[in-house]
């Protein structure tokens, strides 16, 4: 077998095996009642149903988010952590819009996100992948230097009683998540995956689909609160993988509680 073929085979094996591994789930005092939806080295989802029903009309305040102490990995600035936090809240806002009614009412339900870990991506390796991707047919990414994201999310009734809780963590996959030349590239890319898993968990409570006018109002409220990711930037990043900082609107409004 030629040296070139050996290299290709080695890279292929790395691709098949490579995902950003997550740290072992640390024992916590309030684990009782959580059930495993996924339990993999790179992807964990745990759900606990609460005692409160969905608020009447599924009326909720817009999602709030915070980065817990030491949640941002080394090499990630406070501003970068804010970009990931805003994207996580925006993703939940948009993904749940068909089933909830976003309102400005302190007596409505609450959806809160705690970003427990923003795992750093290797900017250098991501940039190298991007250069190779530009000249190699099909998507390409080096299977190393991958980032991760870990989020606790809570859906609560107006009085704070839990409706649903989700503990979620996922590491990037070189075949699924495109390289972006930023230390938050993978965490930012993973945020919508968390929102989709939260929606899947909420489906078990059988929320009622909202009318079209409510959905449109929901989307407008999400965009007004969290901003819109640049459509032109998304299109351009198919050719030049722009960083989240270049794609995402600045988080001048802090979406934290």
Protein backbone atom coordinates (compact mmCIF):
# COMPACT_ATOMS: atom_id res chain seq x y z
CA UNK A 1 0.00 0.00 0.00
CA UNK A 2 1.41 3.39 -0.96
CA UNK A 3 2.27 5.98 1.68
CA UNK A 4 -0.40 8.31 0.27
CA UNK A 5 -3.07 5.63 0.62
CA UNK A 6 -1.94 4.88 4.16
CA UNK A 7 -2.33 8.56 5.06
CA UNK A 8 -5.81 8.69 3.52
CA UNK A 9 -6.82 5.52 5.38
CA UNK A 10 -5.49 6.89 8.67
CA UNK A 11 -7.42 10.14 8.23
CA UNK A 12 -10.56 8.21 7.28
CA UNK A 13 -10.29 6.14 10.46
CA UNK A 14 -9.83 9.28 12.53
CA UNK A 15 -12.93 10.82 10.91
CA UNK A 16 -15.01 7.77 11.76
CA UNK A 17 -13.86 7.80 15.38
CA UNK A 18 -13.38 11.50 16.00
CA UNK A 19 -15.80 13.60 17.97
CA UNK A 20 -14.98 15.94 20.78
CA UNK A 21 -15.25 13.76 23.87
CA UNK A 22 -17.11 15.19 26.82
CA UNK A 23 -15.79 15.11 30.37
CA UNK A 24 -17.43 12.43 32.49
CA UNK A 25 -20.77 13.62 33.85
CA UNK A 26 -20.02 14.71 37.40
CA UNK A 27 -22.42 13.53 40.08
CA UNK A 28 -24.78 16.28 41.20
CA UNK A 29 -27.01 16.56 44.21
CA UNK A 30 -30.23 16.86 42.18
CA UNK A 31 -29.90 13.96 39.71
CA UNK A 32 -33.00 12.13 40.97
CA UNK A 33 -35.72 11.78 38.37
CA UNK A 34 -33.57 12.44 35.31
CA UNK A 35 -33.73 9.80 32.57
CA UNK A 36 -31.14 9.29 29.88
CA UNK A 37 -32.27 10.08 26.33
CA UNK A 38 -28.72 9.81 24.98
CA UNK A 39 -25.57 8.57 26.68
CA UNK A 40 -22.55 8.65 24.39
CA UNK A 41 -18.99 9.78 24.82
CA UNK A 42 -19.68 12.89 22.74
CA UNK A 43 -23.43 13.43 23.22
CA UNK A 44 -25.48 13.35 26.43
CA UNK A 45 -29.14 14.26 26.90
CA UNK A 46 -31.01 13.83 30.19
CA UNK A 47 -34.60 14.87 30.82
CA UNK A 48 -36.74 15.29 33.94
CA UNK A 49 -40.44 16.08 33.74
CA UNK A 50 -41.62 18.56 36.36
CA UNK A 51 -44.82 18.74 38.35
CA UNK A 52 -46.33 21.80 36.67
CA UNK A 53 -48.34 21.62 33.44
CA UNK A 54 -47.62 23.86 30.49
CA UNK A 55 -48.91 27.39 31.18
CA UNK A 56 -52.30 28.14 29.69
CA UNK A 57 -51.91 28.93 26.01
CA UNK A 58 -48.20 28.01 26.34
CA UNK A 59 -47.51 31.66 27.18
CA UNK A 60 -43.82 32.27 27.97
CA UNK A 61 -41.47 35.18 28.40
CA UNK A 62 -38.59 35.23 25.92
CA UNK A 63 -35.75 32.86 26.88
CA UNK A 64 -33.03 34.07 29.22
CA UNK A 65 -29.48 32.72 29.35
CA UNK A 66 -26.36 33.02 31.44
CA UNK A 67 -22.86 31.57 31.37
CA UNK A 68 -22.15 29.99 34.75
CA UNK A 69 -18.94 30.71 36.62
CA UNK A 70 -15.98 29.09 34.83
CA UNK A 71 -18.35 28.03 32.02
CA UNK A 72 -16.19 29.59 29.31
CA UNK A 73 -13.13 27.54 28.49
CA UNK A 74 -9.58 28.94 28.34
CA UNK A 75 -9.00 31.14 25.34
CA UNK A 76 -12.64 32.29 25.22
CA UNK A 77 -13.30 35.91 26.09
CA UNK A 78 -16.34 37.25 27.89
CA UNK A 79 -17.54 38.82 24.65
CA UNK A 80 -17.20 35.50 22.78
CA UNK A 81 -19.10 33.70 25.52
CA UNK A 82 -21.83 36.31 25.08
CA UNK A 83 -22.03 35.51 21.35
CA UNK A 84 -22.56 31.80 22.13
CA UNK A 85 -25.10 32.62 24.86
CA UNK A 86 -27.10 34.88 22.56
CA UNK A 87 -27.11 32.24 19.81
CA UNK A 88 -28.26 29.55 22.27
CA UNK A 89 -31.15 31.72 23.46
CA UNK A 90 -32.01 32.79 19.90
CA UNK A 91 -32.05 29.15 18.75
CA UNK A 92 -34.47 28.15 21.52
CA UNK A 93 -36.64 31.17 20.77
CA UNK A 94 -36.91 30.31 17.07
CA UNK A 95 -37.20 26.52 17.40
CA UNK A 96 -39.98 26.68 20.01
CA UNK A 97 -41.92 29.43 18.21
CA UNK A 98 -44.41 27.03 16.56
CA UNK A 99 -45.52 25.74 19.98
CA UNK A 100 -45.36 28.67 22.39
CA UNK A 101 -46.58 32.25 22.54
CA UNK A 102 -43.82 34.68 23.44
CA UNK A 103 -45.21 37.48 25.59
CA UNK A 104 -43.93 40.37 27.69
CA UNK A 105 -45.68 39.39 30.90
CA UNK A 106 -44.11 38.66 34.29
CA UNK A 107 -46.98 36.26 35.00
CA UNK A 108 -46.15 34.02 32.01
CA UNK A 109 -43.92 30.95 32.07
CA UNK A 110 -40.13 31.12 31.92
CA UNK A 111 -37.43 29.33 29.91
CA UNK A 112 -33.93 29.67 31.30
CA UNK A 113 -30.61 28.37 29.96
CA UNK A 114 -27.39 27.91 31.93
CA UNK A 115 -24.32 27.45 29.74
CA UNK A 116 -22.18 25.21 31.89
CA UNK A 117 -19.34 24.70 29.44
CA UNK A 118 -18.25 26.39 26.24
CA UNK A 119 -15.53 24.03 25.04
CA UNK A 120 -12.78 25.71 23.05
CA UNK A 121 -12.18 24.88 19.39
CA UNK A 122 -8.69 25.10 17.93
CA UNK A 123 -8.72 28.23 15.77
CA UNK A 124 -5.49 27.20 14.03
CA UNK A 125 -6.69 23.74 13.05
CA UNK A 126 -10.05 25.14 12.00
CA UNK A 127 -8.32 27.68 9.75
CA UNK A 128 -6.18 24.92 8.22
CA UNK A 129 -9.31 22.83 7.60
CA UNK A 130 -10.94 25.84 5.97
CA UNK A 131 -8.03 26.29 3.56
CA UNK A 132 -8.07 22.59 2.60
CA UNK A 133 -11.87 22.65 2.33
CA UNK A 134 -11.60 25.45 -0.23
CA UNK A 135 -9.53 23.29 -2.61
CA UNK A 136 -10.71 19.72 -1.85
CA UNK A 137 -14.05 18.57 -3.35
CA UNK A 138 -16.70 17.97 -0.70
CA UNK A 139 -16.64 19.02 2.97
CA UNK A 140 -13.34 18.54 4.76
CA UNK A 141 -12.27 18.99 8.36
CA UNK A 142 -9.28 17.78 10.31
CA UNK A 143 -10.56 15.47 13.08
CA UNK A 144 -8.78 17.29 15.91
CA UNK A 145 -9.14 20.45 17.98
CA UNK A 146 -12.91 20.06 18.23
CA UNK A 147 -15.02 22.12 20.64
CA UNK A 148 -18.12 21.36 22.68
CA UNK A 149 -21.12 22.88 24.44
CA UNK A 150 -22.96 21.96 27.66
CA UNK A 151 -26.31 23.51 28.62
CA UNK A 152 -28.82 23.07 31.43
CA UNK A 153 -32.26 24.30 30.41
CA UNK A 154 -35.43 24.70 32.47
CA UNK A 155 -38.99 25.31 31.40
CA UNK A 156 -40.96 26.72 34.35
CA UNK A 157 -44.46 27.82 35.20
CA UNK A 158 -44.98 31.45 36.21
CA UNK A 159 -44.42 30.61 39.88
CA UNK A 160 -41.10 28.87 39.17
CA UNK A 161 -42.40 25.30 39.43
CA UNK A 162 -40.57 23.17 36.85
CA UNK A 163 -42.43 21.95 33.78
CA UNK A 164 -39.40 20.29 32.18
CA UNK A 165 -35.64 20.19 32.72
CA UNK A 166 -32.97 19.21 30.21
CA UNK A 167 -29.29 18.53 30.81
CA UNK A 168 -27.52 18.53 27.49
CA UNK A 169 -23.92 18.24 26.29
CA UNK A 170 -22.46 17.60 22.86
CA UNK A 171 -19.03 17.58 21.27
CA UNK A 172 -18.41 18.57 17.67
CA UNK A 173 -18.17 15.97 14.90
CA UNK A 174 -15.81 16.64 11.95
CA UNK A 175 -18.33 15.18 9.49
CA UNK A 176 -21.30 17.19 10.77
CA UNK A 177 -19.96 20.50 12.02
CA UNK A 178 -18.06 22.86 9.75
CA UNK A 179 -14.76 24.34 10.88
CA UNK A 180 -14.82 28.04 11.73
CA UNK A 181 -11.67 29.97 12.53
CA UNK A 182 -12.68 30.87 16.07
CA UNK A 183 -12.27 29.40 19.54
CA UNK A 184 -16.09 29.42 19.86
CA UNK A 185 -16.75 28.03 16.36
CA UNK A 186 -18.03 24.62 17.46
CA UNK A 187 -19.94 25.82 20.51
CA UNK A 188 -21.78 28.31 18.31
CA UNK A 189 -22.54 25.65 15.69
CA UNK A 190 -23.86 23.26 18.36
CA UNK A 191 -26.34 25.70 19.94
CA UNK A 192 -29.22 24.91 17.51
CA UNK A 193 -28.79 21.18 18.26
CA UNK A 194 -29.57 21.91 21.92
CA UNK A 195 -32.71 23.80 20.89
CA UNK A 196 -33.92 20.91 18.75
CA UNK A 197 -33.40 18.42 21.59
CA UNK A 198 -35.31 20.71 23.96
CA UNK A 199 -38.17 20.82 21.46
CA UNK A 200 -38.13 17.01 21.19
CA UNK A 201 -38.38 16.74 24.99
CA UNK A 202 -41.21 19.27 25.05
CA UNK A 203 -43.11 17.23 22.45
CA UNK A 204 -43.82 14.61 25.12
CA UNK A 205 -46.03 17.19 26.89
CA UNK A 206 -48.12 17.54 23.71
CA UNK A 207 -48.05 21.29 23.24
CA UNK A 208 -50.64 22.70 20.86
CA UNK A 209 -49.47 24.22 17.59
CA UNK A 210 -49.89 27.99 17.49
CA UNK A 211 -51.83 29.85 14.80
CA UNK A 212 -49.91 31.33 11.89
CA UNK A 213 -50.28 34.89 13.15
CA UNK A 214 -48.84 33.88 16.52
CA UNK A 215 -45.88 32.16 14.84
CA UNK A 216 -45.14 35.26 12.79
CA UNK A 217 -45.33 37.44 15.88
CA UNK A 218 -43.05 34.99 17.70
CA UNK A 219 -40.40 35.14 14.99
CA UNK A 220 -40.53 38.93 14.97
CA UNK A 221 -40.10 38.98 18.77
CA UNK A 222 -37.11 36.60 18.56
CA UNK A 223 -35.41 38.69 15.88
CA UNK A 224 -36.06 41.92 17.76
CA UNK A 225 -34.64 40.51 21.00
CA UNK A 226 -31.67 38.45 19.80
CA UNK A 227 -30.93 39.81 16.32
CA UNK A 228 -30.67 37.82 13.09
CA UNK A 229 -27.65 35.90 11.89
CA UNK A 230 -26.47 37.44 8.62
CA UNK A 231 -28.10 35.63 5.69
CA UNK A 232 -25.47 37.00 3.33
CA UNK A 233 -22.77 35.88 5.76
CA UNK A 234 -24.25 32.39 5.94
CA UNK A 235 -24.18 32.20 2.14
CA UNK A 236 -20.63 33.52 1.97
CA UNK A 237 -19.47 31.05 4.62
CA UNK A 238 -20.20 28.20 2.22
CA UNK A 239 -17.04 29.37 0.47
CA UNK A 240 -15.19 31.16 3.25
CA UNK A 241 -16.05 29.78 6.72
CA UNK A 242 -16.62 33.05 8.55
CA UNK A 243 -16.30 33.09 12.32
CA UNK A 244 -19.38 33.38 14.57
CA UNK A 245 -18.15 36.82 15.56
CA UNK A 246 -18.45 37.90 11.91
CA UNK A 247 -21.84 36.24 11.34
CA UNK A 248 -23.65 37.06 14.56
CA UNK A 249 -25.02 40.49 15.47
CA UNK A 250 -23.36 42.04 18.47
CA UNK A 251 -25.06 41.22 21.76
CA UNK A 252 -25.52 44.81 22.86
CA UNK A 253 -28.61 43.64 24.74
CA UNK A 254 -27.63 41.13 27.37
CA UNK A 255 -30.06 38.15 27.18
CA UNK A 256 -29.21 37.02 30.70
CA UNK A 257 -31.84 37.00 33.47
